[in-house]
Amino acid sequence: MSDDVRHWHASPKSAVGFLVHAGTMDLNAMGPRRNLSMPGLSATVGEQIAALERVAGKNVAARIKRVPDPTIIGIVSGWPRDFVTDRALKLGFTTAEKTFDDIIRIHIEDELGGKFAA
């Protein structure tokens, strides 16, 4: 996968917050348009790996084996790169993480109990 192809991300913690808000909000505020793009951030694979190295160290990032898979590349190449989320923000959906470093830190804390094999 090319390091310059961007994709949209938010942590699972943010996604759960979006779902909770959606389940408790006044749907009349949405009007007839019921689809929304949630807040997040756009990052390349290279930026994700660099963030992993910053947060978890070079030894962790060195475990990544970059093996291009044409089938996966074909699927991912059709994914959106960026979104405008103004409408979701106006409806009270909180902002997501500002950096991929934050997403990694949240994963380490929430999913790994704050510990990982360095």
PDB file of N, CA and C in Angstrom:
ATOM      1  N   MET A   1       0.850  -1.162   0.000  1.00  0.00           N
ATOM      2  CA  MET A   1       0.000   0.000   0.000  1.00  0.00           C
ATOM      3  C   MET A   1       0.895   1.224   0.000  1.00  0.00           C
ATOM      4  N   SER A   2       0.565   2.187  -0.753  1.00  0.00           N
ATOM      5  CA  SER A   2       1.374   3.392  -0.865  1.00  0.00           C
ATOM      6  C   SER A   2       1.293   4.210   0.417  1.00  0.00           C
ATOM      7  N   ASP A   3       2.435   4.757   0.815  1.00  0.00           N
ATOM      8  CA  ASP A   3       2.474   5.578   2.025  1.00  0.00           C
ATOM      9  C   ASP A   3       1.789   6.926   1.856  1.00  0.00           C
ATOM     10  N   ASP A   4       1.432   7.298   0.634  1.00  0.00           N
ATOM     11  CA  ASP A   4       0.813   8.606   0.445  1.00  0.00           C
ATOM     12  C   ASP A   4      -0.707   8.540   0.331  1.00  0.00           C
ATOM     13  N   VAL A   5      -1.290   7.360   0.457  1.00  0.00           N
ATOM     14  CA  VAL A   5      -2.744   7.207   0.396  1.00  0.00           C
ATOM     15  C   VAL A   5      -3.300   7.397   1.805  1.00  0.00           C
ATOM     16  N   ARG A   6      -4.217   8.347   1.938  1.00  0.00           N
ATOM     17  CA  ARG A   6      -4.780   8.684   3.244  1.00  0.00           C
ATOM     18  C   ARG A   6      -6.095   7.928   3.482  1.00  0.00           C
ATOM     19  N   HIS A   7      -6.371   7.635   4.745  1.00  0.00           N
ATOM     20  CA  HIS A   7      -7.630   7.005   5.136  1.00  0.00           C
ATOM     21  C   HIS A   7      -8.117   7.616   6.435  1.00  0.00           C
ATOM     22  N   TRP A   8      -9.423   7.508   6.664  1.00  0.00           N
ATOM     23  CA  TRP A   8     -10.107   8.136   7.789  1.00  0.00           C
ATOM     24  C   TRP A   8     -10.096   7.224   9.004  1.00  0.00           C
ATOM     25  N   HIS A   9      -9.798   7.786  10.181  1.00  0.00           N
ATOM     26  CA  HIS A   9      -9.681   6.994  11.403  1.00  0.00           C
ATOM     27  C   HIS A   9     -10.301   7.715  12.595  1.00  0.00           C
ATOM     28  N   ALA A  10     -10.785   6.925  13.521  1.00  0.00           N
ATOM     29  CA  ALA A  10     -11.147   7.364  14.869  1.00  0.00           C
ATOM     30  C   ALA A  10     -10.966   6.145  15.753  1.00  0.00           C
ATOM     31  N   SER A  11     -10.718   6.367  17.013  1.00  0.00           N
ATOM     32  CA  SER A  11     -10.530   5.230  17.921  1.00  0.00           C
ATOM     33  C   SER A  11     -11.862   4.529  18.174  1.00  0.00           C
ATOM     34  N   PRO A  12     -11.804   3.259  18.576  1.00  0.00           N
ATOM     35  CA  PRO A  12     -13.043   2.594  18.992  1.00  0.00           C
ATOM     36  C   PRO A  12     -13.744   3.347  20.127  1.00  0.00           C
ATOM     37  N   LYS A  13     -12.956   3.964  20.999  1.00  0.00           N
ATOM     38  CA  LYS A  13     -13.535   4.748  22.093  1.00  0.00           C
ATOM     39  C   LYS A  13     -14.383   5.898  21.536  1.00  0.00           C
ATOM     40  N   SER A  14     -13.873   6.585  20.531  1.00  0.00           N
ATOM     41  CA  SER A  14     -14.656   7.659  19.895  1.00  0.00           C
ATOM     42  C   SER A  14     -15.884   7.092  19.210  1.00  0.00           C
ATOM     43  N   ALA A  15     -15.722   5.968  18.510  1.00  0.00           N
ATOM     44  CA  ALA A  15     -16.854   5.352  17.806  1.00  0.00           C
ATOM     45  C   ALA A  15     -17.968   4.985  18.783  1.00  0.00           C
ATOM     46  N   VAL A  16     -17.618   4.458  19.937  1.00  0.00           N
ATOM     47  CA  VAL A  16     -18.630   4.127  20.941  1.00  0.00           C
ATOM     48  C   VAL A  16     -19.319   5.403  21.422  1.00  0.00           C
ATOM     49  N   GLY A  17     -18.548   6.462  21.611  1.00  0.00           N
ATOM     50  CA  GLY A  17     -19.146   7.743  21.999  1.00  0.00           C
ATOM     51  C   GLY A  17     -20.125   8.242  20.951  1.00  0.00           C
ATOM     52  N   PHE A  18     -19.783   8.065  19.676  1.00  0.00           N
ATOM     53  CA  PHE A  18     -20.695   8.466  18.598  1.00  0.00           C
ATOM     54  C   PHE A  18     -21.987   7.662  18.674  1.00  0.00           C
ATOM     55  N   LEU A  19     -21.874   6.360  18.900  1.00  0.00           N
ATOM     56  CA  LEU A  19     -23.065   5.501  18.980  1.00  0.00           C
ATOM     57  C   LEU A  19     -23.946   5.867  20.165  1.00  0.00           C
ATOM     58  N   VAL A  20     -23.326   6.115  21.301  1.00  0.00           N
ATOM     59  CA  VAL A  20     -24.096   6.494  22.497  1.00  0.00           C
ATOM     60  C   VAL A  20     -24.833   7.805  22.235  1.00  0.00           C
ATOM     61  N   HIS A  21     -24.140   8.769  21.654  1.00  0.00           N
ATOM     62  CA  HIS A  21     -24.787  10.049  21.353  1.00  0.00           C
ATOM     63  C   HIS A  21     -25.938   9.850  20.362  1.00  0.00           C
ATOM     64  N   ALA A  22     -25.714   9.047  19.326  1.00  0.00           N
ATOM     65  CA  ALA A  22     -26.764   8.797  18.328  1.00  0.00           C
ATOM     66  C   ALA A  22     -27.984   8.151  18.971  1.00  0.00           C
ATOM     67  N   GLY A  23     -27.752   7.275  19.939  1.00  0.00           N
ATOM     68  CA  GLY A  23     -28.859   6.584  20.594  1.00  0.00           C
ATOM     69  C   GLY A  23     -29.640   7.430  21.563  1.00  0.00           C
ATOM     70  N   THR A  24     -29.091   8.588  21.934  1.00  0.00           N
ATOM     71  CA  THR A  24     -29.768   9.416  22.930  1.00  0.00           C
ATOM     72  C   THR A  24     -30.170  10.794  22.407  1.00  0.00           C
ATOM     73  N   MET A  25     -29.841  11.099  21.160  1.00  0.00           N
ATOM     74  CA  MET A  25     -30.104  12.449  20.649  1.00  0.00           C
ATOM     75  C   MET A  25     -31.539  12.606  20.139  1.00  0.00           C
ATOM     76  N   ASP A  26     -31.955  13.832  20.018  1.00  0.00           N
ATOM     77  CA  ASP A  26     -33.259  14.164  19.446  1.00  0.00           C
ATOM     78  C   ASP A  26     -33.154  14.011  17.929  1.00  0.00           C
ATOM     79  N   LEU A  27     -33.813  13.010  17.379  1.00  0.00           N
ATOM     80  CA  LEU A  27     -33.713  12.739  15.950  1.00  0.00           C
ATOM     81  C   LEU A  27     -34.370  13.815  15.093  1.00  0.00           C
ATOM     82  N   ASN A  28     -35.250  14.594  15.672  1.00  0.00           N
ATOM     83  CA  ASN A  28     -35.867  15.690  14.918  1.00  0.00           C
ATOM     84  C   ASN A  28     -34.823  16.707  14.473  1.00  0.00           C
ATOM     85  N   ALA A  29     -33.756  16.844  15.236  1.00  0.00           N
ATOM     86  CA  ALA A  29     -32.697  17.793  14.888  1.00  0.00           C
ATOM     87  C   ALA A  29     -31.977  17.386  13.595  1.00  0.00           C
ATOM     88  N   MET A  30     -32.024  16.100  13.264  1.00  0.00           N
ATOM     89  CA  MET A  30     -31.354  15.620  12.056  1.00  0.00           C
ATOM     90  C   MET A  30     -32.138  15.948  10.791  1.00  0.00           C
ATOM     91  N   GLY A  31     -33.437  16.060  10.932  1.00  0.00           N
ATOM     92  CA  GLY A  31     -34.250  16.246   9.749  1.00  0.00           C
ATOM     93  C   GLY A  31     -34.329  14.949   8.956  1.00  0.00           C
ATOM     94  N   PRO A  32     -34.672  15.018   7.681  1.00  0.00           N
ATOM     95  CA  PRO A  32     -34.859  13.798   6.897  1.00  0.00           C
ATOM     96  C   PRO A  32     -33.539  13.110   6.498  1.00  0.00           C
ATOM     97  N   ARG A  33     -32.430  13.832   6.517  1.00  0.00           N
ATOM     98  CA  ARG A  33     -31.128  13.234   6.169  1.00  0.00           C
ATOM     99  C   ARG A  33     -30.566  12.517   7.387  1.00  0.00           C
ATOM    100  N   ARG A  34     -30.555  11.195   7.349  1.00  0.00           N
ATOM    101  CA  ARG A  34     -30.148  10.406   8.521  1.00  0.00           C
ATOM    102  C   ARG A  34     -28.721   9.890   8.446  1.00  0.00           C
ATOM    103  N   ASN A  35     -27.991  10.218   7.395  1.00  0.00           N
ATOM    104  CA  ASN A  35     -26.608   9.754   7.328  1.00  0.00           C
ATOM    105  C   ASN A  35     -25.663  10.889   7.714  1.00  0.00           C
ATOM    106  N   LEU A  36     -24.600  10.529   8.416  1.00  0.00           N
ATOM    107  CA  LEU A  36     -23.616  11.501   8.880  1.00  0.00           C
ATOM    108  C   LEU A  36     -22.211  10.935   8.708  1.00  0.00           C
ATOM    109  N   SER A  37     -21.274  11.801   8.483  1.00  0.00           N
ATOM    110  CA  SER A  37     -19.865  11.427   8.535  1.00  0.00           C
ATOM    111  C   SER A  37     -19.347  11.848   9.898  1.00  0.00           C
ATOM    112  N   MET A  38     -18.806  10.901  10.634  1.00  0.00           N
ATOM    113  CA  MET A  38     -18.339  11.161  11.986  1.00  0.00           C
ATOM    114  C   MET A  38     -16.967  11.825  11.976  1.00  0.00           C
ATOM    115  N   PRO A  39     -16.676  12.598  13.029  1.00  0.00           N
ATOM    116  CA  PRO A  39     -15.353  13.205  13.153  1.00  0.00           C
ATOM    117  C   PRO A  39     -14.251  12.140  13.177  1.00  0.00           C
ATOM    118  N   GLY A  40     -13.085  12.529  12.745  1.00  0.00           N
ATOM    119  CA  GLY A  40     -11.941  11.633  12.739  1.00  0.00           C
ATOM    120  C   GLY A  40     -10.723  12.363  12.225  1.00  0.00           C
ATOM    121  N   LEU A  41      -9.749  11.596  11.793  1.00  0.00           N
ATOM    122  CA  LEU A  41      -8.546  12.180  11.226  1.00  0.00           C
ATOM    123  C   LEU A  41      -8.092  11.338  10.048  1.00  0.00           C
ATOM    124  N   SER A  42      -7.411  11.977   9.142  1.00  0.00           N
ATOM    125  CA  SER A  42      -6.912  11.312   7.950  1.00  0.00           C
ATOM    126  C   SER A  42      -5.423  11.053   8.128  1.00  0.00           C
ATOM    127  N   ALA A  43      -4.985   9.811   7.868  1.00  0.00           N
ATOM    128  CA  ALA A  43      -3.570   9.458   8.021  1.00  0.00           C
ATOM    129  C   ALA A  43      -3.174   8.423   6.980  1.00  0.00           C
ATOM    130  N   THR A  44      -1.922   8.478   6.573  1.00  0.00           N
ATOM    131  CA  THR A  44      -1.377   7.474   5.664  1.00  0.00           C
ATOM    132  C   THR A  44      -0.824   6.311   6.483  1.00  0.00           C
ATOM    133  N   VAL A  45      -0.556   5.202   5.814  1.00  0.00           N
ATOM    134  CA  VAL A  45       0.073   4.066   6.485  1.00  0.00           C
ATOM    135  C   VAL A  45       1.430   4.488   7.048  1.00  0.00           C
ATOM    136  N   GLY A  46       2.187   5.255   6.278  1.00  0.00           N
ATOM    137  CA  GLY A  46       3.480   5.737   6.759  1.00  0.00           C
ATOM    138  C   GLY A  46       3.349   6.580   8.015  1.00  0.00           C
ATOM    139  N   GLU A  47       2.333   7.445   8.064  1.00  0.00           N
ATOM    140  CA  GLU A  47       2.097   8.264   9.256  1.00  0.00           C
ATOM    141  C   GLU A  47       1.677   7.396  10.442  1.00  0.00           C
ATOM    142  N   GLN A  48       0.911   6.352  10.175  1.00  0.00           N
ATOM    143  CA  GLN A  48       0.500   5.442  11.248  1.00  0.00           C
ATOM    144  C   GLN A  48       1.712   4.719  11.829  1.00  0.00           C
ATOM    145  N   ILE A  49       2.594   4.255  10.968  1.00  0.00           N
ATOM    146  CA  ILE A  49       3.793   3.551  11.432  1.00  0.00           C
ATOM    147  C   ILE A  49       4.706   4.509  12.203  1.00  0.00           C
ATOM    148  N   ALA A  50       4.849   5.731  11.713  1.00  0.00           N
ATOM    149  CA  ALA A  50       5.663   6.729  12.420  1.00  0.00           C
ATOM    150  C   ALA A  50       5.075   7.016  13.806  1.00  0.00           C
ATOM    151  N   ALA A  51       3.745   7.095  13.898  1.00  0.00           N
ATOM    152  CA  ALA A  51       3.086   7.320  15.185  1.00  0.00           C
ATOM    153  C   ALA A  51       3.344   6.136  16.119  1.00  0.00           C
ATOM    154  N   LEU A  52       3.255   4.933  15.593  1.00  0.00           N
ATOM    155  CA  LEU A  52       3.527   3.747  16.408  1.00  0.00           C
ATOM    156  C   LEU A  52       4.946   3.795  16.955  1.00  0.00           C
ATOM    157  N   GLU A  53       5.892   4.181  16.122  1.00  0.00           N
ATOM    158  CA  GLU A  53       7.279   4.280  16.574  1.00  0.00           C
ATOM    159  C   GLU A  53       7.428   5.338  17.666  1.00  0.00           C
ATOM    160  N   ARG A  54       6.779   6.490  17.504  1.00  0.00           N
ATOM    161  CA  ARG A  54       6.857   7.547  18.517  1.00  0.00           C
ATOM    162  C   ARG A  54       6.266   7.100  19.846  1.00  0.00           C
ATOM    163  N   VAL A  55       5.135   6.404  19.784  1.00  0.00           N
ATOM    164  CA  VAL A  55       4.418   6.037  21.008  1.00  0.00           C
ATOM    165  C   VAL A  55       4.979   4.772  21.645  1.00  0.00           C
ATOM    166  N   ALA A  56       5.249   3.745  20.842  1.00  0.00           N
ATOM    167  CA  ALA A  56       5.630   2.440  21.384  1.00  0.00           C
ATOM    168  C   ALA A  56       7.101   2.094  21.183  1.00  0.00           C
ATOM    169  N   GLY A  57       7.798   2.835  20.338  1.00  0.00           N
ATOM    170  CA  GLY A  57       9.227   2.609  20.160  1.00  0.00           C
ATOM    171  C   GLY A  57       9.572   1.893  18.861  1.00  0.00           C
ATOM    172  N   LYS A  58      10.850   1.976  18.523  1.00  0.00           N
ATOM    173  CA  LYS A  58      11.342   1.389  17.272  1.00  0.00           C
ATOM    174  C   LYS A  58      11.187  -0.127  17.240  1.00  0.00           C
ATOM    175  N   ASN A  59      11.373  -0.799  18.371  1.00  0.00           N
ATOM    176  CA  ASN A  59      11.260  -2.266  18.387  1.00  0.00           C
ATOM    177  C   ASN A  59       9.855  -2.727  18.003  1.00  0.00           C
ATOM    178  N   VAL A  60       8.846  -2.014  18.471  1.00  0.00           N
ATOM    179  CA  VAL A  60       7.462  -2.371  18.143  1.00  0.00           C
ATOM    180  C   VAL A  60       7.194  -2.110  16.667  1.00  0.00           C
ATOM    181  N   ALA A  61       7.579  -0.940  16.183  1.00  0.00           N
ATOM    182  CA  ALA A  61       7.352  -0.611  14.773  1.00  0.00           C
ATOM    183  C   ALA A  61       8.122  -1.546  13.848  1.00  0.00           C
ATOM    184  N   ALA A  62       9.262  -2.023  14.289  1.00  0.00           N
ATOM    185  CA  ALA A  62      10.080  -2.932  13.460  1.00  0.00           C
ATOM    186  C   ALA A  62       9.406  -4.282  13.247  1.00  0.00           C
ATOM    187  N   ARG A  63       8.404  -4.617  14.032  1.00  0.00           N
ATOM    188  CA  ARG A  63       7.689  -5.898  13.866  1.00  0.00           C
ATOM    189  C   ARG A  63       6.760  -5.898  12.652  1.00  0.00           C
ATOM    190  N   ILE A  64       6.502  -4.738  12.102  1.00  0.00           N
ATOM    191  CA  ILE A  64       5.610  -4.636  10.953  1.00  0.00           C
ATOM    192  C   ILE A  64       6.300  -5.226   9.733  1.00  0.00           C
ATOM    193  N   LYS A  65       5.618  -6.116   9.070  1.00  0.00           N
ATOM    194  CA  LYS A  65       6.113  -6.695   7.826  1.00  0.00           C
ATOM    195  C   LYS A  65       5.270  -6.126   6.696  1.00  0.00           C
ATOM    196  N   ARG A  66       5.888  -5.371   5.844  1.00  0.00           N
ATOM    197  CA  ARG A  66       5.162  -4.711   4.753  1.00  0.00           C
ATOM    198  C   ARG A  66       5.160  -5.635   3.545  1.00  0.00           C
ATOM    199  N   VAL A  67       4.021  -6.295   3.351  1.00  0.00           N
ATOM    200  CA  VAL A  67       3.851  -7.235   2.251  1.00  0.00           C
ATOM    201  C   VAL A  67       2.620  -6.798   1.458  1.00  0.00           C
ATOM    202  N   PRO A  68       2.831  -6.107   0.342  1.00  0.00           N
ATOM    203  CA  PRO A  68       1.682  -5.647  -0.448  1.00  0.00           C
ATOM    204  C   PRO A  68       0.811  -6.819  -0.920  1.00  0.00           C
ATOM    205  N   ASP A  69      -0.490  -6.644  -0.802  1.00  0.00           N
ATOM    206  CA  ASP A  69      -1.457  -7.648  -1.242  1.00  0.00           C
ATOM    207  C   ASP A  69      -2.368  -6.963  -2.255  1.00  0.00           C
ATOM    208  N   PRO A  70      -2.286  -7.341  -3.527  1.00  0.00           N
ATOM    209  CA  PRO A  70      -3.075  -6.668  -4.564  1.00  0.00           C
ATOM    210  C   PRO A  70      -4.584  -6.664  -4.289  1.00  0.00           C
ATOM    211  N   THR A  71      -5.110  -7.730  -3.702  1.00  0.00           N
ATOM    212  CA  THR A  71      -6.541  -7.780  -3.401  1.00  0.00           C
ATOM    213  C   THR A  71      -6.904  -6.719  -2.364  1.00  0.00           C
ATOM    214  N   ILE A  72      -6.116  -6.648  -1.304  1.00  0.00           N
ATOM    215  CA  ILE A  72      -6.376  -5.662  -0.252  1.00  0.00           C
ATOM    216  C   ILE A  72      -6.180  -4.248  -0.797  1.00  0.00           C
ATOM    217  N   ILE A  73      -5.136  -4.045  -1.573  1.00  0.00           N
ATOM    218  CA  ILE A  73      -4.887  -2.729  -2.163  1.00  0.00           C
ATOM    219  C   ILE A  73      -6.078  -2.313  -3.026  1.00  0.00           C
ATOM    220  N   GLY A  74      -6.638  -3.252  -3.781  1.00  0.00           N
ATOM    221  CA  GLY A  74      -7.800  -2.954  -4.611  1.00  0.00           C
ATOM    222  C   GLY A  74      -9.009  -2.542  -3.794  1.00  0.00           C
ATOM    223  N   ILE A  75      -9.215  -3.206  -2.671  1.00  0.00           N
ATOM    224  CA  ILE A  75     -10.349  -2.874  -1.800  1.00  0.00           C
ATOM    225  C   ILE A  75     -10.138  -1.501  -1.174  1.00  0.00           C
ATOM    226  N   VAL A  76      -8.987  -1.312  -0.570  1.00  0.00           N
ATOM    227  CA  VAL A  76      -8.703  -0.095   0.182  1.00  0.00           C
ATOM    228  C   VAL A  76      -8.607   1.129  -0.726  1.00  0.00           C
ATOM    229  N   SER A  77      -8.205   0.935  -1.954  1.00  0.00           N
ATOM    230  CA  SER A  77      -8.056   2.077  -2.859  1.00  0.00           C
ATOM    231  C   SER A  77      -9.396   2.760  -3.144  1.00  0.00           C
ATOM    232  N   GLY A  78     -10.506   2.061  -2.914  1.00  0.00           N
ATOM    233  CA  GLY A  78     -11.821   2.652  -3.127  1.00  0.00           C
ATOM    234  C   GLY A  78     -12.397   3.331  -1.900  1.00  0.00           C
ATOM    235  N   TRP A  79     -11.697   3.256  -0.775  1.00  0.00           N
ATOM    236  CA  TRP A  79     -12.199   3.877   0.446  1.00  0.00           C
ATOM    237  C   TRP A  79     -12.039   5.393   0.392  1.00  0.00           C
ATOM    238  N   PRO A  80     -12.948   6.132   1.042  1.00  0.00           N
ATOM    239  CA  PRO A  80     -12.808   7.595   1.099  1.00  0.00           C
ATOM    240  C   PRO A  80     -11.526   7.999   1.829  1.00  0.00           C
ATOM    241  N   ARG A  81     -11.002   9.149   1.462  1.00  0.00           N
ATOM    242  CA  ARG A  81      -9.746   9.646   2.040  1.00  0.00           C
ATOM    243  C   ARG A  81      -9.971  10.663   3.155  1.00  0.00           C
ATOM    244  N   ASP A  82     -11.054  11.401   3.079  1.00  0.00           N
ATOM    245  CA  ASP A  82     -11.285  12.501   4.007  1.00  0.00           C
ATOM    246  C   ASP A  82     -12.782  12.798   4.042  1.00  0.00           C
ATOM    247  N   PHE A  83     -13.236  13.407   5.106  1.00  0.00           N
ATOM    248  CA  PHE A  83     -14.647  13.719   5.250  1.00  0.00           C
ATOM    249  C   PHE A  83     -14.829  15.127   5.803  1.00  0.00           C
ATOM    250  N   VAL A  84     -15.949  15.730   5.482  1.00  0.00           N
ATOM    251  CA  VAL A  84     -16.378  16.982   6.108  1.00  0.00           C
ATOM    252  C   VAL A  84     -17.397  16.574   7.165  1.00  0.00           C
ATOM    253  N   THR A  85     -17.138  16.934   8.413  1.00  0.00           N
ATOM    254  CA  THR A  85     -17.968  16.453   9.519  1.00  0.00           C
ATOM    255  C   THR A  85     -18.714  17.576  10.238  1.00  0.00           C
ATOM    256  N   ASP A  86     -18.832  18.723   9.603  1.00  0.00           N
ATOM    257  CA  ASP A  86     -19.475  19.875  10.238  1.00  0.00           C
ATOM    258  C   ASP A  86     -20.878  19.556  10.745  1.00  0.00           C
ATOM    259  N   ARG A  87     -21.640  18.835   9.959  1.00  0.00           N
ATOM    260  CA  ARG A  87     -23.028  18.531  10.338  1.00  0.00           C
ATOM    261  C   ARG A  87     -23.063  17.673  11.611  1.00  0.00           C
ATOM    262  N   ALA A  88     -22.207  16.675  11.686  1.00  0.00           N
ATOM    263  CA  ALA A  88     -22.150  15.833  12.886  1.00  0.00           C
ATOM    264  C   ALA A  88     -21.745  16.655  14.108  1.00  0.00           C
ATOM    265  N   LEU A  89     -20.777  17.534  13.936  1.00  0.00           N
ATOM    266  CA  LEU A  89     -20.350  18.377  15.058  1.00  0.00           C
ATOM    267  C   LEU A  89     -21.488  19.280  15.523  1.00  0.00           C
ATOM    268  N   LYS A  90     -22.247  19.852  14.590  1.00  0.00           N
ATOM    269  CA  LYS A  90     -23.387  20.716  14.947  1.00  0.00           C
ATOM    270  C   LYS A  90     -24.462  19.931  15.695  1.00  0.00           C
ATOM    271  N   LEU A  91     -24.546  18.632  15.425  1.00  0.00           N
ATOM    272  CA  LEU A  91     -25.548  17.794  16.088  1.00  0.00           C
ATOM    273  C   LEU A  91     -25.046  17.222  17.410  1.00  0.00           C
ATOM    274  N   GLY A  92     -23.867  17.663  17.838  1.00  0.00           N
ATOM    275  CA  GLY A  92     -23.384  17.278  19.161  1.00  0.00           C
ATOM    276  C   GLY A  92     -22.451  16.090  19.214  1.00  0.00           C
ATOM    277  N   PHE A  93     -22.062  15.540  18.082  1.00  0.00           N
ATOM    278  CA  PHE A  93     -21.092  14.455  18.097  1.00  0.00           C
ATOM    279  C   PHE A  93     -19.736  15.064  18.436  1.00  0.00           C
ATOM    280  N   THR A  94     -19.081  14.500  19.430  1.00  0.00           N
ATOM    281  CA  THR A  94     -17.820  15.068  19.886  1.00  0.00           C
ATOM    282  C   THR A  94     -16.719  14.843  18.855  1.00  0.00           C
ATOM    283  N   THR A  95     -15.717  15.643  18.939  1.00  0.00           N
ATOM    284  CA  THR A  95     -14.590  15.457  18.031  1.00  0.00           C
ATOM    285  C   THR A  95     -13.834  14.193  18.406  1.00  0.00           C
ATOM    286  N   ALA A  96     -13.177  13.631  17.423  1.00  0.00           N
ATOM    287  CA  ALA A  96     -12.354  12.441  17.641  1.00  0.00           C
ATOM    288  C   ALA A  96     -10.932  12.889  17.952  1.00  0.00           C
ATOM    289  N   GLU A  97     -10.044  11.946  17.979  1.00  0.00           N
ATOM    290  CA  GLU A  97      -8.651  12.226  18.258  1.00  0.00           C
ATOM    291  C   GLU A  97      -8.072  13.178  17.210  1.00  0.00           C
ATOM    292  N   LYS A  98      -7.068  13.928  17.600  1.00  0.00           N
ATOM    293  CA  LYS A  98      -6.432  14.891  16.695  1.00  0.00           C
ATOM    294  C   LYS A  98      -5.205  14.298  16.000  1.00  0.00           C
ATOM    295  N   THR A  99      -4.619  13.244  16.587  1.00  0.00           N
ATOM    296  CA  THR A  99      -3.435  12.616  15.996  1.00  0.00           C
ATOM    297  C   THR A  99      -3.551  11.107  16.055  1.00  0.00           C
ATOM    298  N   PHE A 100      -2.818  10.429  15.178  1.00  0.00           N
ATOM    299  CA  PHE A 100      -2.813   8.973  15.231  1.00  0.00           C
ATOM    300  C   PHE A 100      -2.075   8.496  16.477  1.00  0.00           C
ATOM    301  N   ASP A 101      -1.152   9.302  16.980  1.00  0.00           N
ATOM    302  CA  ASP A 101      -0.489   8.977  18.251  1.00  0.00           C
ATOM    303  C   ASP A 101      -1.538   8.788  19.345  1.00  0.00           C
ATOM    304  N   ASP A 102      -2.542   9.690  19.370  1.00  0.00           N
ATOM    305  CA  ASP A 102      -3.611   9.586  20.367  1.00  0.00           C
ATOM    306  C   ASP A 102      -4.387   8.283  20.225  1.00  0.00           C
ATOM    307  N   ILE A 103      -4.660   7.875  18.994  1.00  0.00           N
ATOM    308  CA  ILE A 103      -5.392   6.622  18.761  1.00  0.00           C
ATOM    309  C   ILE A 103      -4.588   5.440  19.305  1.00  0.00           C
ATOM    310  N   ILE A 104      -3.284   5.448  19.074  1.00  0.00           N
ATOM    311  CA  ILE A 104      -2.433   4.364  19.582  1.00  0.00           C
ATOM    312  C   ILE A 104      -2.408   4.372  21.104  1.00  0.00           C
ATOM    313  N   ARG A 105      -2.261   5.543  21.706  1.00  0.00           N
ATOM    314  CA  ARG A 105      -2.244   5.636  23.178  1.00  0.00           C
ATOM    315  C   ARG A 105      -3.556   5.115  23.772  1.00  0.00           C
ATOM    316  N   ILE A 106      -4.664   5.481  23.166  1.00  0.00           N
ATOM    317  CA  ILE A 106      -5.973   5.006  23.652  1.00  0.00           C
ATOM    318  C   ILE A 106      -6.052   3.489  23.520  1.00  0.00           C
ATOM    319  N   HIS A 107      -5.578   2.946  22.399  1.00  0.00           N
ATOM    320  CA  HIS A 107      -5.581   1.488  22.223  1.00  0.00           C
ATOM    321  C   HIS A 107      -4.754   0.808  23.315  1.00  0.00           C
ATOM    322  N   ILE A 108      -3.574   1.333  23.576  1.00  0.00           N
ATOM    323  CA  ILE A 108      -2.716   0.737  24.601  1.00  0.00           C
ATOM    324  C   ILE A 108      -3.406   0.765  25.956  1.00  0.00           C
ATOM    325  N   GLU A 109      -4.018   1.881  26.286  1.00  0.00           N
ATOM    326  CA  GLU A 109      -4.684   2.002  27.579  1.00  0.00           C
ATOM    327  C   GLU A 109      -5.950   1.139  27.660  1.00  0.00           C
ATOM    328  N   ASP A 110      -6.823   1.271  26.685  1.00  0.00           N
ATOM    329  CA  ASP A 110      -8.126   0.602  26.743  1.00  0.00           C
ATOM    330  C   ASP A 110      -8.063  -0.886  26.439  1.00  0.00           C
ATOM    331  N   GLU A 111      -7.260  -1.276  25.488  1.00  0.00           N
ATOM    332  CA  GLU A 111      -7.245  -2.681  25.040  1.00  0.00           C
ATOM    333  C   GLU A 111      -6.115  -3.509  25.644  1.00  0.00           C
ATOM    334  N   LEU A 112      -5.029  -2.848  26.047  1.00  0.00           N
ATOM    335  CA  LEU A 112      -3.869  -3.582  26.544  1.00  0.00           C
ATOM    336  C   LEU A 112      -3.575  -3.288  28.012  1.00  0.00           C
ATOM    337  N   GLY A 113      -4.498  -2.586  28.685  1.00  0.00           N
ATOM    338  CA  GLY A 113      -4.320  -2.286  30.091  1.00  0.00           C
ATOM    339  C   GLY A 113      -3.097  -1.414  30.372  1.00  0.00           C
ATOM    340  N   GLY A 114      -2.692  -0.636  29.376  1.00  0.00           N
ATOM    341  CA  GLY A 114      -1.555   0.261  29.562  1.00  0.00           C
ATOM    342  C   GLY A 114      -0.195  -0.383  29.358  1.00  0.00           C
ATOM    343  N   LYS A 115      -0.180  -1.667  29.003  1.00  0.00           N
ATOM    344  CA  LYS A 115       1.077  -2.393  28.872  1.00  0.00           C
ATOM    345  C   LYS A 115       1.189  -3.018  27.487  1.00  0.00           C
ATOM    346  N   PHE A 116       2.396  -3.065  26.960  1.00  0.00           N
ATOM    347  CA  PHE A 116       2.639  -3.744  25.688  1.00  0.00           C
ATOM    348  C   PHE A 116       4.067  -4.251  25.689  1.00  0.00           C
ATOM    349  N   ALA A 117       4.331  -5.233  24.858  1.00  0.00           N
ATOM    350  CA  ALA A 117       5.672  -5.823  24.751  1.00  0.00           C
ATOM    351  C   ALA A 117       6.553  -4.915  23.908  1.00  0.00           C
ATOM    352  N   ALA A 118       7.445  -4.212  24.575  1.00  0.00           N
ATOM    353  CA  ALA A 118       8.340  -3.300  23.862  1.00  0.00           C
ATOM    354  C   ALA A 118       9.441  -4.115  23.226  1.00  0.00           C
TER     355      ALA A 118
END
